[in-house]
Amino acid sequence: MTSDPFPDLFAHLEISALPSRRWVECVNCVDHALLDDGKTDPQEWAVGHVILHPGHTRYRIVSQVGFRLDATVTP
Protein backbone atom coordinates (compact mmCIF):
# COMPACT_ATOMS: atom_id res chain seq x y z
CA MET A 1 0.00 0.00 0.00
CA THR A 2 1.56 3.28 -1.07
CA SER A 3 -0.97 5.67 0.44
CA ASP A 4 0.03 8.37 2.89
CA PRO A 5 0.52 6.80 6.34
CA PHE A 6 -0.77 10.01 7.93
CA PRO A 7 -3.80 11.12 5.87
CA ASP A 8 -5.61 14.31 6.74
CA LEU A 9 -8.48 13.86 9.16
CA PHE A 10 -11.52 15.92 8.30
CA ALA A 11 -14.61 16.52 10.41
CA HIS A 12 -16.70 14.34 8.07
CA LEU A 13 -14.25 11.41 8.20
CA GLU A 14 -14.08 9.23 11.30
CA ILE A 15 -10.89 7.54 12.46
CA SER A 16 -12.51 4.14 11.98
CA ALA A 17 -12.70 4.90 8.23
CA LEU A 18 -8.94 5.46 7.91
CA PRO A 19 -6.60 2.72 6.72
CA SER A 20 -4.80 0.74 9.40
CA ARG A 21 -1.64 -1.34 9.46
CA ARG A 22 -1.03 -4.49 11.49
CA TRP A 23 2.14 -6.32 12.35
CA VAL A 24 3.51 -8.92 14.77
CA GLU A 25 6.45 -7.66 16.78
CA CYS A 26 9.06 -9.10 19.14
CA VAL A 27 8.97 -7.16 22.41
CA ASN A 28 12.66 -7.81 23.05
CA CYS A 29 14.10 -6.39 19.83
CA VAL A 30 11.09 -4.95 17.92
CA ASP A 31 11.87 -7.06 14.86
CA HIS A 32 8.54 -7.40 13.09
CA ALA A 33 6.56 -8.75 10.15
CA LEU A 34 3.63 -7.06 8.45
CA LEU A 35 0.30 -8.88 8.66
CA ASP A 36 -1.61 -6.83 6.09
CA ASP A 37 -0.64 -9.12 3.22
CA GLY A 38 -2.70 -11.98 4.68
CA LYS A 39 0.19 -14.38 4.09
CA THR A 40 2.08 -14.01 7.37
CA ASP A 41 0.94 -16.16 10.28
CA PRO A 42 1.96 -14.33 13.48
CA GLN A 43 2.46 -17.50 15.50
CA GLU A 44 4.56 -19.08 12.76
CA TRP A 45 6.66 -15.91 12.52
CA ALA A 46 7.19 -15.88 16.31
CA VAL A 47 8.27 -19.53 16.33
CA GLY A 48 10.83 -18.79 13.60
CA HIS A 49 12.04 -15.73 15.46
CA VAL A 50 12.55 -17.51 18.77
CA ILE A 51 14.58 -20.21 16.99
CA LEU A 52 16.94 -17.51 15.72
CA HIS A 53 16.86 -15.54 18.99
CA PRO A 54 16.50 -17.82 22.03
CA GLY A 55 15.11 -15.86 24.95
CA HIS A 56 12.93 -13.64 22.76
CA THR A 57 9.67 -15.14 23.98
CA ARG A 58 7.29 -12.17 24.19
CA TYR A 59 5.38 -10.89 21.16
CA ARG A 60 2.57 -8.50 20.40
CA ILE A 61 0.30 -7.76 17.48
CA VAL A 62 0.19 -4.04 16.81
CA SER A 63 -2.51 -2.18 14.92
CA GLN A 64 -1.88 1.44 13.96
CA VAL A 65 -3.98 4.16 12.38
CA GLY A 66 -2.09 7.33 11.53
CA PHE A 67 -3.66 10.69 10.78
CA ARG A 68 -2.85 14.37 10.87
CA LEU A 69 -4.89 17.43 11.69
CA ASP A 70 -4.71 20.77 9.96
CA ALA A 71 -3.63 23.14 12.72
CA THR A 72 -5.12 26.11 10.86
CA VAL A 73 -8.64 24.71 11.02
CA THR A 74 -10.50 25.10 14.31
CA PRO A 75 -13.67 23.22 15.20
C-alpha atoms as a PDB file:
ATOM      1  CA  MET A   1       0.000   0.000   0.000  1.00  0.00           C
ATOM      2  CA  THR A   2       1.556   3.282  -1.068  1.00  0.00           C
ATOM      3  CA  SER A   3      -0.970   5.668   0.443  1.00  0.00           C
ATOM      4  CA  ASP A   4       0.026   8.369   2.890  1.00  0.00           C
ATOM      5  CA  PRO A   5       0.521   6.803   6.337  1.00  0.00           C
ATOM      6  CA  PHE A   6      -0.773  10.008   7.933  1.00  0.00           C
ATOM      7  CA  PRO A   7      -3.798  11.120   5.867  1.00  0.00           C
ATOM      8  CA  ASP A   8      -5.614  14.312   6.735  1.00  0.00           C
ATOM      9  CA  LEU A   9      -8.476  13.857   9.161  1.00  0.00           C
ATOM     10  CA  PHE A  10     -11.522  15.921   8.304  1.00  0.00           C
ATOM     11  CA  ALA A  11     -14.610  16.521  10.414  1.00  0.00           C
ATOM     12  CA  HIS A  12     -16.695  14.340   8.071  1.00  0.00           C
ATOM     13  CA  LEU A  13     -14.250  11.407   8.203  1.00  0.00           C
ATOM     14  CA  GLU A  14     -14.084   9.232  11.303  1.00  0.00           C
ATOM     15  CA  ILE A  15     -10.891   7.542  12.464  1.00  0.00           C
ATOM     16  CA  SER A  16     -12.515   4.137  11.978  1.00  0.00           C
ATOM     17  CA  ALA A  17     -12.699   4.898   8.234  1.00  0.00           C
ATOM     18  CA  LEU A  18      -8.938   5.463   7.915  1.00  0.00           C
ATOM     19  CA  PRO A  19      -6.597   2.720   6.724  1.00  0.00           C
ATOM     20  CA  SER A  20      -4.801   0.744   9.397  1.00  0.00           C
ATOM     21  CA  ARG A  21      -1.637  -1.336   9.464  1.00  0.00           C
ATOM     22  CA  ARG A  22      -1.033  -4.489  11.494  1.00  0.00           C
ATOM     23  CA  TRP A  23       2.141  -6.315  12.353  1.00  0.00           C
ATOM     24  CA  VAL A  24       3.511  -8.915  14.766  1.00  0.00           C
ATOM     25  CA  GLU A  25       6.452  -7.660  16.777  1.00  0.00           C
ATOM     26  CA  CYS A  26       9.059  -9.101  19.144  1.00  0.00           C
ATOM     27  CA  VAL A  27       8.966  -7.162  22.410  1.00  0.00           C
ATOM     28  CA  ASN A  28      12.664  -7.809  23.052  1.00  0.00           C
ATOM     29  CA  CYS A  29      14.096  -6.386  19.829  1.00  0.00           C
ATOM     30  CA  VAL A  30      11.089  -4.952  17.925  1.00  0.00           C
ATOM     31  CA  ASP A  31      11.870  -7.058  14.864  1.00  0.00           C
ATOM     32  CA  HIS A  32       8.539  -7.402  13.089  1.00  0.00           C
ATOM     33  CA  ALA A  33       6.562  -8.748  10.151  1.00  0.00           C
ATOM     34  CA  LEU A  34       3.627  -7.065   8.452  1.00  0.00           C
ATOM     35  CA  LEU A  35       0.303  -8.875   8.661  1.00  0.00           C
ATOM     36  CA  ASP A  36      -1.611  -6.834   6.093  1.00  0.00           C
ATOM     37  CA  ASP A  37      -0.640  -9.118   3.223  1.00  0.00           C
ATOM     38  CA  GLY A  38      -2.702 -11.978   4.678  1.00  0.00           C
ATOM     39  CA  LYS A  39       0.194 -14.380   4.093  1.00  0.00           C
ATOM     40  CA  THR A  40       2.079 -14.010   7.371  1.00  0.00           C
ATOM     41  CA  ASP A  41       0.941 -16.158  10.284  1.00  0.00           C
ATOM     42  CA  PRO A  42       1.957 -14.325  13.480  1.00  0.00           C
ATOM     43  CA  GLN A  43       2.463 -17.501  15.497  1.00  0.00           C
ATOM     44  CA  GLU A  44       4.562 -19.078  12.757  1.00  0.00           C
ATOM     45  CA  TRP A  45       6.661 -15.914  12.515  1.00  0.00           C
ATOM     46  CA  ALA A  46       7.188 -15.876  16.307  1.00  0.00           C
ATOM     47  CA  VAL A  47       8.273 -19.531  16.326  1.00  0.00           C
ATOM     48  CA  GLY A  48      10.834 -18.791  13.598  1.00  0.00           C
ATOM     49  CA  HIS A  49      12.038 -15.734  15.459  1.00  0.00           C
ATOM     50  CA  VAL A  50      12.550 -17.513  18.775  1.00  0.00           C
ATOM     51  CA  ILE A  51      14.576 -20.208  16.991  1.00  0.00           C
ATOM     52  CA  LEU A  52      16.938 -17.508  15.717  1.00  0.00           C
ATOM     53  CA  HIS A  53      16.858 -15.539  18.990  1.00  0.00           C
ATOM     54  CA  PRO A  54      16.495 -17.815  22.029  1.00  0.00           C
ATOM     55  CA  GLY A  55      15.107 -15.857  24.954  1.00  0.00           C
ATOM     56  CA  HIS A  56      12.932 -13.645  22.764  1.00  0.00           C
ATOM     57  CA  THR A  57       9.674 -15.138  23.985  1.00  0.00           C
ATOM     58  CA  ARG A  58       7.294 -12.166  24.187  1.00  0.00           C
ATOM     59  CA  TYR A  59       5.375 -10.890  21.159  1.00  0.00           C
ATOM     60  CA  ARG A  60       2.569  -8.504  20.396  1.00  0.00           C
ATOM     61  CA  ILE A  61       0.301  -7.756  17.480  1.00  0.00           C
ATOM     62  CA  VAL A  62       0.187  -4.039  16.815  1.00  0.00           C
ATOM     63  CA  SER A  63      -2.506  -2.176  14.920  1.00  0.00           C
ATOM     64  CA  GLN A  64      -1.877   1.437  13.958  1.00  0.00           C
ATOM     65  CA  VAL A  65      -3.979   4.156  12.381  1.00  0.00           C
ATOM     66  CA  GLY A  66      -2.090   7.330  11.530  1.00  0.00           C
ATOM     67  CA  PHE A  67      -3.664  10.690  10.775  1.00  0.00           C
ATOM     68  CA  ARG A  68      -2.851  14.375  10.874  1.00  0.00           C
ATOM     69  CA  LEU A  69      -4.888  17.433  11.691  1.00  0.00           C
ATOM     70  CA  ASP A  70      -4.711  20.771   9.955  1.00  0.00           C
ATOM     71  CA  ALA A  71      -3.633  23.141  12.720  1.00  0.00           C
ATOM     72  CA  THR A  72      -5.118  26.110  10.858  1.00  0.00           C
ATOM     73  CA  VAL A  73      -8.643  24.705  11.022  1.00  0.00           C
ATOM     74  CA  THR A  74     -10.499  25.103  14.309  1.00  0.00           C
ATOM     75  CA  PRO A  75     -13.668  23.221  15.202  1.00  0.00           C
END
